[in-house]
């Protein structure tokens, strides 16, 4: 995902507490709330993709280092 593509509006309703925390983080990081939210969404989507990839491979066999070395003749 890139931020260079055309942006489409989206709206999110936040609790007063979450909005206040977001405002504070944006102020501390000298960035906008929009930028923080976009970054958080991108990070979460990447985490979901990583999780799905791990989940898809969880039934694959696992080998110890000594097993790998023995297989390779090391």
C-alpha atoms as a PDB file:
ATOM      1  CA  UNK A   1       0.000   0.000   0.000  1.00  0.00           C
ATOM      2  CA  UNK A   2       1.220   3.434  -0.777  1.00  0.00           C
ATOM      3  CA  UNK A   3       0.039   6.822   0.348  1.00  0.00           C
ATOM      4  CA  UNK A   4       0.784   8.195  -3.128  1.00  0.00           C
ATOM      5  CA  UNK A   5      -2.483   6.824  -4.505  1.00  0.00           C
ATOM      6  CA  UNK A   6      -5.631   8.928  -4.605  1.00  0.00           C
ATOM      7  CA  UNK A   7      -7.114   9.393  -1.153  1.00  0.00           C
ATOM      8  CA  UNK A   8     -10.765   8.739  -0.487  1.00  0.00           C
ATOM      9  CA  UNK A   9     -12.550  10.240   2.491  1.00  0.00           C
ATOM     10  CA  UNK A  10     -13.494   8.036   5.417  1.00  0.00           C
ATOM     11  CA  UNK A  11     -14.855   8.952   8.777  1.00  0.00           C
ATOM     12  CA  UNK A  12     -14.453   7.311  12.135  1.00  0.00           C
ATOM     13  CA  UNK A  13     -16.228   8.073  15.361  1.00  0.00           C
ATOM     14  CA  UNK A  14     -13.926   8.116  18.365  1.00  0.00           C
ATOM     15  CA  UNK A  15     -14.663   8.311  22.043  1.00  0.00           C
ATOM     16  CA  UNK A  16     -13.645  11.567  23.699  1.00  0.00           C
ATOM     17  CA  UNK A  17     -10.838   9.725  25.500  1.00  0.00           C
ATOM     18  CA  UNK A  18      -9.451   8.163  22.319  1.00  0.00           C
ATOM     19  CA  UNK A  19      -9.742  11.440  20.417  1.00  0.00           C
ATOM     20  CA  UNK A  20      -7.876  13.238  23.197  1.00  0.00           C
ATOM     21  CA  UNK A  21      -5.115  10.611  23.193  1.00  0.00           C
ATOM     22  CA  UNK A  22      -4.858  10.855  19.403  1.00  0.00           C
ATOM     23  CA  UNK A  23      -4.633  14.650  19.580  1.00  0.00           C
ATOM     24  CA  UNK A  24      -1.887  14.400  22.203  1.00  0.00           C
ATOM     25  CA  UNK A  25       0.147  11.882  20.193  1.00  0.00           C
ATOM     26  CA  UNK A  26      -0.206  13.956  17.034  1.00  0.00           C
ATOM     27  CA  UNK A  27       0.990  17.022  18.940  1.00  0.00           C
ATOM     28  CA  UNK A  28       3.944  15.155  20.480  1.00  0.00           C
ATOM     29  CA  UNK A  29       4.974  13.684  17.126  1.00  0.00           C
ATOM     30  CA  UNK A  30       4.360  16.954  15.292  1.00  0.00           C
ATOM     31  CA  UNK A  31       2.054  15.298  12.783  1.00  0.00           C
ATOM     32  CA  UNK A  32      -1.638  15.263  11.967  1.00  0.00           C
ATOM     33  CA  UNK A  33      -4.272  12.949  13.379  1.00  0.00           C
ATOM     34  CA  UNK A  34      -5.001  11.855   9.798  1.00  0.00           C
ATOM     35  CA  UNK A  35      -1.380  10.792   9.329  1.00  0.00           C
ATOM     36  CA  UNK A  36      -1.398   8.835  12.597  1.00  0.00           C
ATOM     37  CA  UNK A  37      -4.645   7.071  11.752  1.00  0.00           C
ATOM     38  CA  UNK A  38      -3.468   6.211   8.226  1.00  0.00           C
ATOM     39  CA  UNK A  39      -0.190   4.841   9.587  1.00  0.00           C
ATOM     40  CA  UNK A  40      -2.049   2.799  12.228  1.00  0.00           C
ATOM     41  CA  UNK A  41      -4.385   1.327   9.613  1.00  0.00           C
ATOM     42  CA  UNK A  42      -1.524   0.411   7.278  1.00  0.00           C
ATOM     43  CA  UNK A  43       0.386  -1.181  10.168  1.00  0.00           C
ATOM     44  CA  UNK A  44      -2.655  -3.182  11.277  1.00  0.00           C
ATOM     45  CA  UNK A  45      -3.367  -4.418   7.742  1.00  0.00           C
ATOM     46  CA  UNK A  46       0.264  -5.526   7.413  1.00  0.00           C
ATOM     47  CA  UNK A  47       0.028  -7.330  10.774  1.00  0.00           C
ATOM     48  CA  UNK A  48      -3.128  -9.121   9.627  1.00  0.00           C
ATOM     49  CA  UNK A  49      -1.399 -10.251   6.426  1.00  0.00           C
ATOM     50  CA  UNK A  50       1.600 -11.477   8.431  1.00  0.00           C
ATOM     51  CA  UNK A  51      -0.684 -13.375  10.800  1.00  0.00           C
ATOM     52  CA  UNK A  52      -2.512 -15.010   7.908  1.00  0.00           C
ATOM     53  CA  UNK A  53       0.798 -16.071   6.346  1.00  0.00           C
ATOM     54  CA  UNK A  54       1.977 -17.617   9.619  1.00  0.00           C
ATOM     55  CA  UNK A  55      -1.365 -19.314  10.158  1.00  0.00           C
ATOM     56  CA  UNK A  56      -1.233 -20.811   6.655  1.00  0.00           C
ATOM     57  CA  UNK A  57       2.177 -22.340   7.415  1.00  0.00           C
ATOM     58  CA  UNK A  58       1.559 -23.496  10.982  1.00  0.00           C
ATOM     59  CA  UNK A  59       1.139 -27.153   9.983  1.00  0.00           C
ATOM     60  CA  UNK A  60       4.451 -27.313   8.148  1.00  0.00           C
ATOM     61  CA  UNK A  61       7.125 -29.473   9.787  1.00  0.00           C
ATOM     62  CA  UNK A  62       9.605 -27.849  12.144  1.00  0.00           C
ATOM     63  CA  UNK A  63      13.251 -28.899  12.216  1.00  0.00           C
ATOM     64  CA  UNK A  64      15.879 -28.312  14.863  1.00  0.00           C
ATOM     65  CA  UNK A  65      19.222 -26.811  13.926  1.00  0.00           C
ATOM     66  CA  UNK A  66      20.939 -30.141  14.519  1.00  0.00           C
ATOM     67  CA  UNK A  67      18.453 -31.869  12.190  1.00  0.00           C
ATOM     68  CA  UNK A  68      19.125 -29.311   9.464  1.00  0.00           C
ATOM     69  CA  UNK A  69      22.883 -29.656   9.916  1.00  0.00           C
ATOM     70  CA  UNK A  70      22.631 -33.451   9.743  1.00  0.00           C
ATOM     71  CA  UNK A  71      20.511 -33.250   6.589  1.00  0.00           C
ATOM     72  CA  UNK A  72      23.095 -30.943   5.006  1.00  0.00           C
ATOM     73  CA  UNK A  73      26.014 -33.024   6.228  1.00  0.00           C
ATOM     74  CA  UNK A  74      27.456 -30.278   8.385  1.00  0.00           C
END
